[in-house]
N, C-alpha and C. Protein backbone atom coordinates (compact mmCIF):
# COMPACT_ATOMS: atom_id res chain seq x y z
N MET A 1 1.08 7.35 -55.04
CA MET A 1 0.83 8.32 -53.99
C MET A 1 -0.03 7.68 -52.92
N LYS A 2 0.18 8.17 -51.69
CA LYS A 2 -0.59 7.63 -50.58
C LYS A 2 -0.94 8.75 -49.60
N VAL A 3 -1.84 8.47 -48.70
CA VAL A 3 -2.26 9.45 -47.70
C VAL A 3 -1.04 9.88 -46.88
N GLY A 4 -0.88 11.18 -46.71
CA GLY A 4 0.24 11.74 -45.96
C GLY A 4 1.35 12.29 -46.82
N ASP A 5 1.35 12.01 -48.12
CA ASP A 5 2.38 12.54 -49.01
C ASP A 5 2.19 14.03 -49.24
N LEU A 6 3.30 14.77 -49.31
CA LEU A 6 3.25 16.18 -49.67
C LEU A 6 3.25 16.29 -51.18
N VAL A 7 2.37 17.12 -51.73
CA VAL A 7 2.22 17.26 -53.18
C VAL A 7 2.12 18.73 -53.56
N THR A 8 2.31 18.97 -54.85
CA THR A 8 2.09 20.28 -55.45
C THR A 8 1.47 20.03 -56.82
N LEU A 9 1.03 21.06 -57.49
CA LEU A 9 0.44 20.89 -58.81
C LEU A 9 1.50 20.54 -59.84
N SER A 10 1.19 19.61 -60.72
CA SER A 10 2.06 19.31 -61.85
C SER A 10 1.87 20.40 -62.91
N SER A 11 2.65 20.35 -63.97
CA SER A 11 2.48 21.35 -65.03
C SER A 11 1.09 21.23 -65.65
N TYR A 12 0.58 20.01 -65.81
CA TYR A 12 -0.78 19.82 -66.31
C TYR A 12 -1.79 20.46 -65.35
N GLY A 13 -1.62 20.26 -64.06
CA GLY A 13 -2.52 20.83 -63.06
C GLY A 13 -2.49 22.35 -63.05
N LYS A 14 -1.31 22.93 -63.25
CA LYS A 14 -1.17 24.39 -63.28
C LYS A 14 -1.84 24.99 -64.51
N ASN A 15 -1.81 24.28 -65.62
CA ASN A 15 -2.37 24.80 -66.86
C ASN A 15 -3.89 24.69 -66.92
N ARG A 16 -4.49 23.94 -66.05
CA ARG A 16 -5.95 23.84 -66.02
C ARG A 16 -6.53 25.10 -65.39
N LYS A 17 -7.51 25.69 -66.02
CA LYS A 17 -8.09 26.95 -65.53
C LYS A 17 -8.76 26.80 -64.18
N CYS A 18 -9.27 25.62 -63.86
CA CYS A 18 -9.99 25.44 -62.60
C CYS A 18 -9.06 25.40 -61.39
N ASN A 19 -7.74 25.29 -61.59
CA ASN A 19 -6.79 25.23 -60.48
C ASN A 19 -6.02 26.53 -60.30
N GLY A 20 -6.49 27.62 -60.87
CA GLY A 20 -5.76 28.88 -60.85
C GLY A 20 -5.54 29.49 -59.47
N CYS A 21 -6.40 29.18 -58.53
CA CYS A 21 -6.28 29.79 -57.19
C CYS A 21 -5.38 28.99 -56.26
N ILE A 22 -4.82 27.89 -56.72
CA ILE A 22 -4.03 27.01 -55.86
C ILE A 22 -2.55 27.27 -56.07
N SER A 23 -1.82 27.42 -54.97
CA SER A 23 -0.37 27.57 -55.03
C SER A 23 0.22 26.93 -53.78
N GLY A 24 1.51 26.75 -53.78
CA GLY A 24 2.16 26.17 -52.62
C GLY A 24 2.11 24.65 -52.64
N TYR A 25 1.90 24.07 -51.48
CA TYR A 25 1.91 22.62 -51.36
C TYR A 25 0.74 22.16 -50.51
N GLY A 26 0.48 20.87 -50.59
CA GLY A 26 -0.62 20.30 -49.82
C GLY A 26 -0.27 18.90 -49.36
N ILE A 27 -1.14 18.34 -48.54
CA ILE A 27 -0.96 16.99 -48.04
C ILE A 27 -2.18 16.16 -48.43
N ILE A 28 -1.94 14.96 -48.92
CA ILE A 28 -3.04 14.08 -49.30
C ILE A 28 -3.73 13.59 -48.04
N SER A 29 -5.04 13.87 -47.94
CA SER A 29 -5.78 13.48 -46.74
C SER A 29 -6.68 12.28 -46.97
N ASP A 30 -7.01 11.95 -48.22
CA ASP A 30 -7.86 10.79 -48.49
C ASP A 30 -7.75 10.42 -49.97
N ILE A 31 -7.85 9.13 -50.26
CA ILE A 31 -7.89 8.64 -51.63
C ILE A 31 -9.07 7.70 -51.75
N SER A 32 -9.97 8.03 -52.66
CA SER A 32 -11.17 7.22 -52.87
C SER A 32 -10.83 5.97 -53.67
N ASN A 33 -11.45 4.87 -53.33
CA ASN A 33 -11.25 3.62 -54.06
C ASN A 33 -12.35 3.38 -55.08
N ASP A 34 -13.25 4.33 -55.25
CA ASP A 34 -14.36 4.20 -56.19
C ASP A 34 -13.82 4.28 -57.61
N PHE A 35 -14.07 3.24 -58.41
CA PHE A 35 -13.55 3.18 -59.77
C PHE A 35 -14.10 4.29 -60.65
N ASN A 36 -15.31 4.74 -60.41
CA ASN A 36 -15.95 5.76 -61.24
C ASN A 36 -15.63 7.19 -60.79
N ASP A 37 -14.89 7.34 -59.72
CA ASP A 37 -14.58 8.66 -59.19
C ASP A 37 -13.53 9.34 -60.08
N ARG A 38 -13.89 10.48 -60.68
CA ARG A 38 -12.99 11.16 -61.61
C ARG A 38 -11.85 11.89 -60.89
N TYR A 39 -12.12 12.38 -59.69
CA TYR A 39 -11.11 13.09 -58.90
C TYR A 39 -11.01 12.42 -57.53
N PRO A 40 -10.27 11.33 -57.43
CA PRO A 40 -10.28 10.53 -56.21
C PRO A 40 -9.36 11.02 -55.09
N ILE A 41 -8.46 11.95 -55.38
CA ILE A 41 -7.46 12.34 -54.38
C ILE A 41 -7.89 13.64 -53.70
N GLU A 42 -8.07 13.58 -52.39
CA GLU A 42 -8.43 14.76 -51.60
C GLU A 42 -7.15 15.35 -51.02
N VAL A 43 -6.92 16.63 -51.31
CA VAL A 43 -5.69 17.30 -50.87
C VAL A 43 -6.06 18.50 -50.01
N HIS A 44 -5.40 18.61 -48.87
CA HIS A 44 -5.56 19.75 -47.97
C HIS A 44 -4.40 20.70 -48.25
N TRP A 45 -4.70 21.89 -48.82
CA TRP A 45 -3.68 22.85 -49.25
C TRP A 45 -3.36 23.86 -48.17
N PHE A 46 -2.10 24.26 -48.10
CA PHE A 46 -1.62 25.26 -47.15
C PHE A 46 -1.17 26.48 -47.94
N ASP A 47 -1.72 27.63 -47.59
CA ASP A 47 -1.35 28.87 -48.26
C ASP A 47 -1.32 29.97 -47.21
N GLY A 48 -0.16 30.16 -46.60
CA GLY A 48 -0.07 31.12 -45.50
C GLY A 48 -0.84 30.61 -44.30
N GLU A 49 -1.79 31.38 -43.80
CA GLU A 49 -2.58 30.97 -42.65
C GLU A 49 -3.86 30.26 -43.06
N GLU A 50 -4.27 30.40 -44.31
CA GLU A 50 -5.51 29.78 -44.77
C GLU A 50 -5.25 28.39 -45.32
N THR A 51 -6.23 27.53 -45.17
CA THR A 51 -6.15 26.19 -45.74
C THR A 51 -7.44 25.90 -46.49
N ALA A 52 -7.37 25.00 -47.44
CA ALA A 52 -8.55 24.62 -48.22
C ALA A 52 -8.38 23.17 -48.67
N THR A 53 -9.50 22.52 -48.95
CA THR A 53 -9.47 21.14 -49.42
C THR A 53 -10.07 21.07 -50.82
N TYR A 54 -9.36 20.43 -51.74
CA TYR A 54 -9.80 20.25 -53.10
C TYR A 54 -9.56 18.80 -53.54
N TYR A 55 -10.18 18.41 -54.65
CA TYR A 55 -10.07 17.05 -55.16
C TYR A 55 -9.38 17.07 -56.53
N PHE A 56 -8.53 16.06 -56.78
CA PHE A 56 -7.72 16.03 -57.99
C PHE A 56 -7.65 14.63 -58.57
N SER A 57 -7.29 14.58 -59.87
CA SER A 57 -6.91 13.31 -60.49
C SER A 57 -5.40 13.16 -60.30
N ARG A 58 -4.89 11.98 -60.54
CA ARG A 58 -3.47 11.70 -60.29
C ARG A 58 -2.55 12.55 -61.17
N ASN A 59 -2.92 12.79 -62.43
CA ASN A 59 -2.03 13.52 -63.32
C ASN A 59 -1.97 15.03 -63.03
N GLU A 60 -2.80 15.54 -62.15
CA GLU A 60 -2.75 16.96 -61.79
C GLU A 60 -1.76 17.23 -60.66
N LEU A 61 -1.21 16.17 -60.06
CA LEU A 61 -0.35 16.32 -58.88
C LEU A 61 1.04 15.72 -59.12
N LYS A 62 2.01 16.23 -58.38
CA LYS A 62 3.34 15.63 -58.33
C LYS A 62 3.84 15.75 -56.90
N TYR A 63 4.85 14.95 -56.56
CA TYR A 63 5.41 14.99 -55.22
C TYR A 63 6.08 16.34 -54.98
N TYR A 64 5.93 16.86 -53.77
CA TYR A 64 6.55 18.14 -53.40
C TYR A 64 8.00 17.89 -53.02
N LYS A 65 8.90 18.65 -53.62
CA LYS A 65 10.32 18.56 -53.30
C LYS A 65 10.76 19.90 -52.71
N PRO A 66 11.06 19.94 -51.41
CA PRO A 66 11.47 21.22 -50.81
C PRO A 66 12.82 21.68 -51.38
N ASP A 67 13.02 22.98 -51.34
CA ASP A 67 14.28 23.55 -51.83
C ASP A 67 15.43 23.07 -50.95
N LYS A 68 16.54 22.76 -51.61
CA LYS A 68 17.73 22.34 -50.86
C LYS A 68 18.44 23.56 -50.33
N ILE A 69 19.02 23.42 -49.16
CA ILE A 69 19.74 24.54 -48.54
C ILE A 69 21.22 24.40 -48.79
């Protein structure tokens, strides 16, 4: 994953209680290179008109695949 990728929560991320308020998709805005950083991926989430920024580990995210028409 890299900055600018569209992501959504993986099944592991959805099952974690701390991610219950997150839905939809987000864009990766920063990735920390700090080896000790437990949640290095900063994601800017879009949910209607509101947006929020949260931090995740790699296994909590997957690439967003839009619905085919």
